[in-house]
Amino acid sequence: MSNGNVIRGARVGSAPPRHPERHRPVPCRSVSYWCRNGHRTDIRIAADVAAPTAWDCTRCGLPAGPDAQDPPGGARPEPYKTHLAYVKERRTDAEGAAILAEALAALRDRRGRP
């Protein structure tokens, strides 16, 4: 009894098989990193690429290094900055006053005030 499916034996989203002559897998190696909390993170990288000196721990986010006996120190957390603090980094007080005067003038023009 037919249920109307033309394609049999394939699931939705399945891809055709890869041809080995077109797609050769790249030789990889595994590199382990340890953080101060003792977490181990294993990554796979290409065999001909130099391993990074540090990697972020996937469990706690601290920096991790390849030496389990001497992992890198904890990252110094940056203090929380407000939006105003970021604006003050980009603009001087004189630039801020000029932008404010321009915005107030445009607002007064829209309201019909001199």
C-alpha atoms as a PDB file:
ATOM      1  CA  MET A   1       0.000   0.000   0.000  1.00  0.00           C
ATOM      2  CA  SER A   2       1.474   3.335  -1.036  1.00  0.00           C
ATOM      3  CA  ASN A   3       1.416   6.305   1.300  1.00  0.00           C
ATOM      4  CA  GLY A   4       2.345   8.851  -1.388  1.00  0.00           C
ATOM      5  CA  ASN A   5       6.019   9.296  -0.418  1.00  0.00           C
ATOM      6  CA  VAL A   6       8.241   9.312  -3.448  1.00  0.00           C
ATOM      7  CA  ILE A   7      11.557   9.295  -1.578  1.00  0.00           C
ATOM      8  CA  ARG A   8      12.025   6.304   0.666  1.00  0.00           C
ATOM      9  CA  GLY A   9      14.772   5.567   3.099  1.00  0.00           C
ATOM     10  CA  ALA A  10      15.848   9.193   3.560  1.00  0.00           C
ATOM     11  CA  ARG A  11      14.937  11.564   6.336  1.00  0.00           C
ATOM     12  CA  VAL A  12      14.115  15.222   5.935  1.00  0.00           C
ATOM     13  CA  GLY A  13      17.276  17.316   5.798  1.00  0.00           C
ATOM     14  CA  SER A  14      19.601  14.458   5.001  1.00  0.00           C
ATOM     15  CA  ALA A  15      22.415  15.240   2.633  1.00  0.00           C
ATOM     16  CA  PRO A  16      23.792  13.027  -0.088  1.00  0.00           C
ATOM     17  CA  PRO A  17      26.877  11.013   0.835  1.00  0.00           C
ATOM     18  CA  ARG A  18      30.216  12.775   0.397  1.00  0.00           C
ATOM     19  CA  HIS A  19      32.509  11.564  -2.298  1.00  0.00           C
ATOM     20  CA  PRO A  20      35.932  10.765  -0.819  1.00  0.00           C
ATOM     21  CA  GLU A  21      37.828  12.104  -3.821  1.00  0.00           C
ATOM     22  CA  ARG A  22      36.289  15.582  -3.407  1.00  0.00           C
ATOM     23  CA  HIS A  23      36.331  16.003   0.373  1.00  0.00           C
ATOM     24  CA  ARG A  24      39.304  14.677   2.261  1.00  0.00           C
ATOM     25  CA  PRO A  25      39.202  15.242   5.993  1.00  0.00           C
ATOM     26  CA  VAL A  26      41.947  17.488   7.338  1.00  0.00           C
ATOM     27  CA  PRO A  27      44.375  15.782   9.735  1.00  0.00           C
ATOM     28  CA  CYS A  28      43.556  17.048  13.238  1.00  0.00           C
ATOM     29  CA  ARG A  29      45.078  16.846  16.670  1.00  0.00           C
ATOM     30  CA  SER A  30      43.627  17.357  20.123  1.00  0.00           C
ATOM     31  CA  VAL A  31      45.002  20.028  22.462  1.00  0.00           C
ATOM     32  CA  SER A  32      44.097  20.236  26.166  1.00  0.00           C
ATOM     33  CA  TYR A  33      43.864  23.405  28.233  1.00  0.00           C
ATOM     34  CA  TRP A  34      43.427  23.783  32.012  1.00  0.00           C
ATOM     35  CA  CYS A  35      42.071  26.744  33.976  1.00  0.00           C
ATOM     36  CA  ARG A  36      42.694  27.773  37.610  1.00  0.00           C
ATOM     37  CA  ASN A  37      39.558  25.906  38.704  1.00  0.00           C
ATOM     38  CA  GLY A  38      40.962  22.623  37.367  1.00  0.00           C
ATOM     39  CA  HIS A  39      38.596  22.357  34.417  1.00  0.00           C
ATOM     40  CA  ARG A  40      39.973  20.647  31.338  1.00  0.00           C
ATOM     41  CA  THR A  41      39.012  21.866  27.873  1.00  0.00           C
ATOM     42  CA  ASP A  42      39.898  19.775  24.816  1.00  0.00           C
ATOM     43  CA  ILE A  43      39.838  21.349  21.383  1.00  0.00           C
ATOM     44  CA  ARG A  44      40.595  19.868  17.987  1.00  0.00           C
ATOM     45  CA  ILE A  45      42.710  21.894  15.598  1.00  0.00           C
ATOM     46  CA  ALA A  46      44.371  21.201  12.290  1.00  0.00           C
ATOM     47  CA  ALA A  47      47.644  19.304  12.632  1.00  0.00           C
ATOM     48  CA  ASP A  48      49.689  21.906  10.750  1.00  0.00           C
ATOM     49  CA  VAL A  49      48.421  24.911  12.764  1.00  0.00           C
ATOM     50  CA  ALA A  50      50.163  26.209  15.896  1.00  0.00           C
ATOM     51  CA  ALA A  51      48.047  25.851  19.026  1.00  0.00           C
ATOM     52  CA  PRO A  52      46.955  29.078  20.725  1.00  0.00           C
ATOM     53  CA  THR A  53      48.771  29.938  23.948  1.00  0.00           C
ATOM     54  CA  ALA A  54      45.494  30.510  25.826  1.00  0.00           C
ATOM     55  CA  TRP A  55      41.882  29.417  25.486  1.00  0.00           C
ATOM     56  CA  ASP A  56      38.760  30.380  27.429  1.00  0.00           C
ATOM     57  CA  CYS A  57      37.446  27.647  29.702  1.00  0.00           C
ATOM     58  CA  THR A  58      34.100  26.390  28.431  1.00  0.00           C
ATOM     59  CA  ARG A  59      32.801  25.804  31.966  1.00  0.00           C
ATOM     60  CA  CYS A  60      33.806  28.910  33.945  1.00  0.00           C
ATOM     61  CA  GLY A  61      35.109  31.364  31.320  1.00  0.00           C
ATOM     62  CA  LEU A  62      38.528  31.856  32.934  1.00  0.00           C
ATOM     63  CA  PRO A  63      41.616  31.782  30.721  1.00  0.00           C
ATOM     64  CA  ALA A  64      43.093  28.312  30.330  1.00  0.00           C
ATOM     65  CA  GLY A  65      46.619  27.289  29.365  1.00  0.00           C
ATOM     66  CA  PRO A  66      48.277  24.136  28.028  1.00  0.00           C
ATOM     67  CA  ASP A  67      50.208  23.483  31.282  1.00  0.00           C
ATOM     68  CA  ALA A  68      48.036  21.686  33.849  1.00  0.00           C
ATOM     69  CA  GLN A  69      50.510  22.380  36.683  1.00  0.00           C
ATOM     70  CA  ASP A  70      50.671  26.129  36.014  1.00  0.00           C
ATOM     71  CA  PRO A  71      47.431  27.465  34.489  1.00  0.00           C
ATOM     72  CA  PRO A  72      47.222  31.180  33.707  1.00  0.00           C
ATOM     73  CA  GLY A  73      45.954  33.585  36.361  1.00  0.00           C
ATOM     74  CA  GLY A  74      42.377  34.695  36.544  1.00  0.00           C
ATOM     75  CA  ALA A  75      41.238  37.428  34.238  1.00  0.00           C
ATOM     76  CA  ARG A  76      40.858  40.800  35.868  1.00  0.00           C
ATOM     77  CA  PRO A  77      37.165  41.619  35.626  1.00  0.00           C
ATOM     78  CA  GLU A  78      36.352  44.940  34.041  1.00  0.00           C
ATOM     79  CA  PRO A  79      34.105  47.123  36.160  1.00  0.00           C
ATOM     80  CA  TYR A  80      30.574  47.719  34.966  1.00  0.00           C
ATOM     81  CA  LYS A  81      30.323  50.829  32.830  1.00  0.00           C
ATOM     82  CA  THR A  82      27.205  52.836  32.267  1.00  0.00           C
ATOM     83  CA  HIS A  83      26.178  54.207  28.901  1.00  0.00           C
ATOM     84  CA  LEU A  84      27.285  57.651  30.050  1.00  0.00           C
ATOM     85  CA  ALA A  85      30.772  56.328  30.863  1.00  0.00           C
ATOM     86  CA  TYR A  86      31.158  54.949  27.334  1.00  0.00           C
ATOM     87  CA  VAL A  87      29.953  58.249  25.838  1.00  0.00           C
ATOM     88  CA  LYS A  88      32.443  60.188  27.957  1.00  0.00           C
ATOM     89  CA  GLU A  89      35.242  57.974  26.610  1.00  0.00           C
ATOM     90  CA  ARG A  90      34.351  58.936  23.044  1.00  0.00           C
ATOM     91  CA  ARG A  91      33.494  62.629  23.473  1.00  0.00           C
ATOM     92  CA  THR A  92      35.010  65.604  25.241  1.00  0.00           C
ATOM     93  CA  ASP A  93      32.857  67.920  27.357  1.00  0.00           C
ATOM     94  CA  ALA A  94      32.975  70.568  24.625  1.00  0.00           C
ATOM     95  CA  GLU A  95      31.764  68.091  21.970  1.00  0.00           C
ATOM     96  CA  GLY A  96      28.977  66.941  24.296  1.00  0.00           C
ATOM     97  CA  ALA A  97      27.844  70.533  24.902  1.00  0.00           C
ATOM     98  CA  ALA A  98      27.819  71.237  21.134  1.00  0.00           C
ATOM     99  CA  ILE A  99      25.737  68.105  20.418  1.00  0.00           C
ATOM    100  CA  LEU A 100      23.301  69.006  23.218  1.00  0.00           C
ATOM    101  CA  ALA A 101      22.919  72.593  21.928  1.00  0.00           C
ATOM    102  CA  GLU A 102      22.274  71.269  18.407  1.00  0.00           C
ATOM    103  CA  ALA A 103      19.633  68.803  19.647  1.00  0.00           C
ATOM    104  CA  LEU A 104      17.893  71.476  21.755  1.00  0.00           C
ATOM    105  CA  ALA A 105      17.840  73.881  18.809  1.00  0.00           C
ATOM    106  CA  ALA A 106      16.260  71.204  16.584  1.00  0.00           C
ATOM    107  CA  LEU A 107      13.677  70.462  19.276  1.00  0.00           C
ATOM    108  CA  ARG A 108      12.795  74.128  19.660  1.00  0.00           C
ATOM    109  CA  ASP A 109      12.432  74.480  15.877  1.00  0.00           C
ATOM    110  CA  ARG A 110       9.973  71.566  15.771  1.00  0.00           C
ATOM    111  CA  ARG A 111       7.916  73.086  18.577  1.00  0.00           C
ATOM    112  CA  GLY A 112       7.910  76.487  16.929  1.00  0.00           C
ATOM    113  CA  ARG A 113       9.843  78.306  19.640  1.00  0.00           C
ATOM    114  CA  PRO A 114      12.790  80.594  18.898  1.00  0.00           C
END
